[in-house]
Amino acid sequence: MVHYHITVHGRVQGVGYRYFTQMKASQFGITGWVKNLSEGGVEIVAVGEKENLEQFMESLQVGNPFSKVTDINFTEIENTEPFHSFKIKY
């Protein structure tokens, strides 16, 4: 399993982007979490198979019809706490 720390920037708050992220995580078998950042972006910790994470990230770049993603950054991180699902943090 690979662990990614991801930040997404653009119009990604107030447009259902976290719910979209959770739906895509479920579709690709990804666990972890997503939350809004105070500066307007979204932060994600995603855990899954590398191929699934790549597909997940491609869908994050496209976003939902109401979002406009301008930038995605990710780094592979060391093994984090175990996740059993993908949650939205508030």
N, C-alpha and C. Protein backbone atom coordinates (compact mmCIF):
# COMPACT_ATOMS: atom_id res chain seq x y z
N MET A 1 0.84 -1.18 0.00
CA MET A 1 0.00 0.00 0.00
C MET A 1 0.88 1.25 0.00
N VAL A 2 0.46 2.23 -0.76
CA VAL A 2 1.19 3.49 -0.87
C VAL A 2 0.39 4.56 -0.16
N HIS A 3 1.09 5.50 0.49
CA HIS A 3 0.46 6.58 1.24
C HIS A 3 0.84 7.91 0.61
N TYR A 4 -0.15 8.70 0.22
CA TYR A 4 0.10 10.01 -0.38
C TYR A 4 -0.47 11.12 0.49
N HIS A 5 0.26 12.21 0.58
CA HIS A 5 -0.25 13.46 1.13
C HIS A 5 -0.47 14.37 -0.08
N ILE A 6 -1.70 14.85 -0.25
CA ILE A 6 -2.09 15.59 -1.46
C ILE A 6 -2.68 16.94 -1.06
N THR A 7 -2.31 17.99 -1.77
CA THR A 7 -3.00 19.28 -1.63
C THR A 7 -3.53 19.67 -3.00
N VAL A 8 -4.76 20.17 -2.99
CA VAL A 8 -5.44 20.56 -4.22
C VAL A 8 -5.82 22.03 -4.08
N HIS A 9 -5.54 22.82 -5.13
CA HIS A 9 -5.83 24.25 -5.11
C HIS A 9 -6.71 24.61 -6.30
N GLY A 10 -7.41 25.71 -6.14
CA GLY A 10 -8.34 26.19 -7.16
C GLY A 10 -9.68 26.48 -6.50
N ARG A 11 -10.75 26.37 -7.28
CA ARG A 11 -12.09 26.52 -6.70
C ARG A 11 -12.53 25.14 -6.23
N VAL A 12 -12.14 24.82 -4.98
CA VAL A 12 -12.40 23.49 -4.43
C VAL A 12 -13.10 23.53 -3.07
N GLN A 13 -13.52 24.70 -2.63
CA GLN A 13 -14.30 24.82 -1.40
C GLN A 13 -15.65 25.42 -1.74
N GLY A 14 -16.68 24.88 -1.08
CA GLY A 14 -18.03 25.38 -1.30
C GLY A 14 -18.66 24.85 -2.59
N VAL A 15 -18.05 23.84 -3.19
CA VAL A 15 -18.55 23.30 -4.46
C VAL A 15 -18.72 21.77 -4.41
N GLY A 16 -18.68 21.18 -3.21
CA GLY A 16 -18.86 19.74 -3.07
C GLY A 16 -17.63 18.91 -3.39
N TYR A 17 -16.46 19.55 -3.40
CA TYR A 17 -15.25 18.83 -3.80
C TYR A 17 -14.87 17.74 -2.80
N ARG A 18 -15.05 17.97 -1.50
CA ARG A 18 -14.71 16.93 -0.51
C ARG A 18 -15.60 15.70 -0.69
N TYR A 19 -16.88 15.93 -0.97
CA TYR A 19 -17.80 14.80 -1.18
C TYR A 19 -17.45 14.06 -2.46
N PHE A 20 -17.08 14.81 -3.49
CA PHE A 20 -16.62 14.22 -4.75
C PHE A 20 -15.38 13.36 -4.49
N THR A 21 -14.44 13.88 -3.69
CA THR A 21 -13.21 13.16 -3.35
C THR A 21 -13.55 11.86 -2.62
N GLN A 22 -14.47 11.94 -1.67
CA GLN A 22 -14.87 10.75 -0.92
C GLN A 22 -15.50 9.70 -1.86
N MET A 23 -16.33 10.15 -2.79
CA MET A 23 -16.97 9.23 -3.74
C MET A 23 -15.91 8.55 -4.61
N LYS A 24 -14.94 9.32 -5.11
CA LYS A 24 -13.89 8.76 -5.95
C LYS A 24 -12.99 7.81 -5.16
N ALA A 25 -12.73 8.14 -3.90
CA ALA A 25 -11.93 7.25 -3.05
C ALA A 25 -12.62 5.90 -2.90
N SER A 26 -13.91 5.93 -2.68
CA SER A 26 -14.68 4.70 -2.57
C SER A 26 -14.62 3.91 -3.87
N GLN A 27 -14.74 4.60 -4.99
CA GLN A 27 -14.71 3.96 -6.31
C GLN A 27 -13.39 3.24 -6.55
N PHE A 28 -12.27 3.84 -6.10
CA PHE A 28 -10.95 3.27 -6.37
C PHE A 28 -10.36 2.50 -5.19
N GLY A 29 -11.14 2.27 -4.13
CA GLY A 29 -10.65 1.49 -3.00
C GLY A 29 -9.59 2.20 -2.18
N ILE A 30 -9.71 3.53 -2.08
CA ILE A 30 -8.75 4.35 -1.34
C ILE A 30 -9.28 4.62 0.06
N THR A 31 -8.41 4.55 1.06
CA THR A 31 -8.79 4.95 2.42
C THR A 31 -8.01 6.20 2.79
N GLY A 32 -8.45 6.87 3.87
CA GLY A 32 -7.78 8.08 4.33
C GLY A 32 -8.78 9.15 4.71
N TRP A 33 -8.46 10.42 4.38
CA TRP A 33 -9.34 11.52 4.72
C TRP A 33 -9.10 12.73 3.82
N VAL A 34 -10.06 13.66 3.87
CA VAL A 34 -9.98 14.92 3.13
C VAL A 34 -10.51 16.02 4.05
N LYS A 35 -9.90 17.21 3.96
CA LYS A 35 -10.40 18.36 4.73
C LYS A 35 -10.06 19.65 4.01
N ASN A 36 -10.85 20.68 4.31
CA ASN A 36 -10.57 22.02 3.78
C ASN A 36 -9.41 22.64 4.53
N LEU A 37 -8.63 23.44 3.84
CA LEU A 37 -7.54 24.21 4.45
C LEU A 37 -7.99 25.66 4.60
N SER A 38 -7.45 26.34 5.59
CA SER A 38 -7.85 27.73 5.85
C SER A 38 -7.51 28.66 4.69
N GLU A 39 -6.50 28.31 3.88
CA GLU A 39 -6.10 29.19 2.76
C GLU A 39 -6.92 28.93 1.50
N GLY A 40 -7.88 28.01 1.55
CA GLY A 40 -8.77 27.81 0.41
C GLY A 40 -8.57 26.53 -0.35
N GLY A 41 -7.53 25.79 -0.06
CA GLY A 41 -7.28 24.52 -0.74
C GLY A 41 -7.90 23.36 0.02
N VAL A 42 -7.59 22.17 -0.43
CA VAL A 42 -8.06 20.94 0.20
C VAL A 42 -6.85 20.05 0.44
N GLU A 43 -6.82 19.41 1.61
CA GLU A 43 -5.75 18.49 1.98
C GLU A 43 -6.31 17.08 2.04
N ILE A 44 -5.52 16.13 1.52
CA ILE A 44 -5.96 14.73 1.46
C ILE A 44 -4.82 13.83 1.90
N VAL A 45 -5.13 12.82 2.69
CA VAL A 45 -4.22 11.70 2.91
C VAL A 45 -4.92 10.50 2.31
N ALA A 46 -4.26 9.85 1.35
CA ALA A 46 -4.86 8.75 0.61
C ALA A 46 -3.95 7.53 0.66
N VAL A 47 -4.55 6.38 0.92
CA VAL A 47 -3.81 5.13 1.03
C VAL A 47 -4.45 4.11 0.09
N GLY A 48 -3.62 3.48 -0.73
CA GLY A 48 -4.15 2.46 -1.64
C GLY A 48 -3.05 1.89 -2.52
N GLU A 49 -3.46 1.06 -3.44
CA GLU A 49 -2.53 0.51 -4.43
C GLU A 49 -2.11 1.64 -5.37
N LYS A 50 -0.86 1.62 -5.82
CA LYS A 50 -0.31 2.70 -6.65
C LYS A 50 -1.16 2.98 -7.89
N GLU A 51 -1.59 1.93 -8.59
CA GLU A 51 -2.40 2.13 -9.80
C GLU A 51 -3.71 2.82 -9.47
N ASN A 52 -4.34 2.42 -8.37
CA ASN A 52 -5.61 3.03 -7.95
C ASN A 52 -5.40 4.48 -7.54
N LEU A 53 -4.30 4.76 -6.86
CA LEU A 53 -4.00 6.14 -6.46
C LEU A 53 -3.78 7.02 -7.69
N GLU A 54 -3.15 6.48 -8.71
CA GLU A 54 -2.93 7.26 -9.94
C GLU A 54 -4.26 7.61 -10.60
N GLN A 55 -5.18 6.65 -10.67
CA GLN A 55 -6.51 6.91 -11.24
C GLN A 55 -7.28 7.91 -10.36
N PHE A 56 -7.16 7.76 -9.05
CA PHE A 56 -7.81 8.66 -8.10
C PHE A 56 -7.31 10.09 -8.32
N MET A 57 -6.00 10.25 -8.47
CA MET A 57 -5.42 11.58 -8.66
C MET A 57 -5.85 12.19 -10.00
N GLU A 58 -5.97 11.36 -11.03
CA GLU A 58 -6.46 11.87 -12.31
C GLU A 58 -7.87 12.43 -12.17
N SER A 59 -8.72 11.73 -11.41
CA SER A 59 -10.09 12.22 -11.22
C SER A 59 -10.10 13.47 -10.36
N LEU A 60 -9.17 13.58 -9.40
CA LEU A 60 -9.09 14.80 -8.59
C LEU A 60 -8.71 16.00 -9.45
N GLN A 61 -7.86 15.79 -10.43
CA GLN A 61 -7.44 16.87 -11.32
C GLN A 61 -8.63 17.39 -12.13
N VAL A 62 -9.48 16.49 -12.59
CA VAL A 62 -10.67 16.88 -13.35
C VAL A 62 -11.69 17.55 -12.43
N GLY A 63 -11.91 16.98 -11.25
CA GLY A 63 -12.86 17.53 -10.29
C GLY A 63 -14.30 17.28 -10.69
N ASN A 64 -15.21 17.89 -9.94
CA ASN A 64 -16.62 17.77 -10.27
C ASN A 64 -17.02 18.96 -11.15
N PRO A 65 -18.25 18.98 -11.67
CA PRO A 65 -18.63 20.07 -12.59
C PRO A 65 -18.57 21.48 -12.00
N PHE A 66 -18.59 21.60 -10.67
CA PHE A 66 -18.63 22.91 -10.02
C PHE A 66 -17.25 23.40 -9.59
N SER A 67 -16.26 22.53 -9.63
CA SER A 67 -14.92 22.89 -9.18
C SER A 67 -14.05 23.28 -10.36
N LYS A 68 -12.94 23.95 -10.03
CA LYS A 68 -11.91 24.26 -11.04
C LYS A 68 -10.56 24.08 -10.37
N VAL A 69 -9.92 22.96 -10.66
CA VAL A 69 -8.63 22.63 -10.05
C VAL A 69 -7.54 23.32 -10.85
N THR A 70 -6.70 24.08 -10.12
CA THR A 70 -5.59 24.76 -10.78
C THR A 70 -4.25 24.09 -10.49
N ASP A 71 -4.15 23.35 -9.38
CA ASP A 71 -2.87 22.76 -9.01
C ASP A 71 -3.08 21.60 -8.05
N ILE A 72 -2.33 20.53 -8.24
CA ILE A 72 -2.30 19.40 -7.30
C ILE A 72 -0.85 19.10 -6.99
N ASN A 73 -0.54 18.98 -5.71
CA ASN A 73 0.80 18.58 -5.27
C ASN A 73 0.64 17.33 -4.43
N PHE A 74 1.58 16.40 -4.58
CA PHE A 74 1.52 15.22 -3.73
C PHE A 74 2.92 14.74 -3.41
N THR A 75 3.03 14.12 -2.27
CA THR A 75 4.27 13.48 -1.86
C THR A 75 3.91 12.12 -1.27
N GLU A 76 4.78 11.15 -1.51
CA GLU A 76 4.60 9.86 -0.87
C GLU A 76 5.12 10.00 0.55
N ILE A 77 4.33 9.53 1.50
CA ILE A 77 4.71 9.66 2.91
C ILE A 77 4.89 8.27 3.53
N GLU A 78 5.53 8.27 4.67
CA GLU A 78 5.72 7.02 5.41
C GLU A 78 4.37 6.49 5.86
N ASN A 79 4.36 5.22 6.18
CA ASN A 79 3.15 4.56 6.66
C ASN A 79 2.49 5.38 7.76
N THR A 80 1.24 5.76 7.56
CA THR A 80 0.49 6.54 8.54
C THR A 80 -0.37 5.61 9.36
N GLU A 81 -1.22 6.20 10.18
CA GLU A 81 -2.16 5.40 10.94
C GLU A 81 -3.01 4.55 9.98
N PRO A 82 -3.46 3.40 10.42
CA PRO A 82 -4.28 2.58 9.52
C PRO A 82 -5.67 3.20 9.35
N PHE A 83 -6.17 3.18 8.14
CA PHE A 83 -7.50 3.70 7.85
C PHE A 83 -8.37 2.55 7.37
N HIS A 84 -9.64 2.59 7.75
CA HIS A 84 -10.57 1.55 7.34
C HIS A 84 -11.60 2.08 6.34
N SER A 85 -11.61 3.40 6.16
CA SER A 85 -12.54 4.02 5.23
C SER A 85 -11.95 5.36 4.80
N PHE A 86 -12.71 6.11 4.04
CA PHE A 86 -12.28 7.45 3.63
C PHE A 86 -13.27 8.45 4.21
N LYS A 87 -12.75 9.33 5.07
CA LYS A 87 -13.63 10.25 5.83
C LYS A 87 -13.41 11.70 5.41
N ILE A 88 -14.46 12.48 5.60
CA ILE A 88 -14.37 13.92 5.46
C ILE A 88 -14.14 14.49 6.85
N LYS A 89 -13.05 15.25 7.01
CA LYS A 89 -12.77 15.90 8.29
C LYS A 89 -13.33 17.31 8.25
N TYR A 90 -13.89 17.74 9.35
CA TYR A 90 -14.47 19.09 9.44
C TYR A 90 -13.64 19.98 10.34
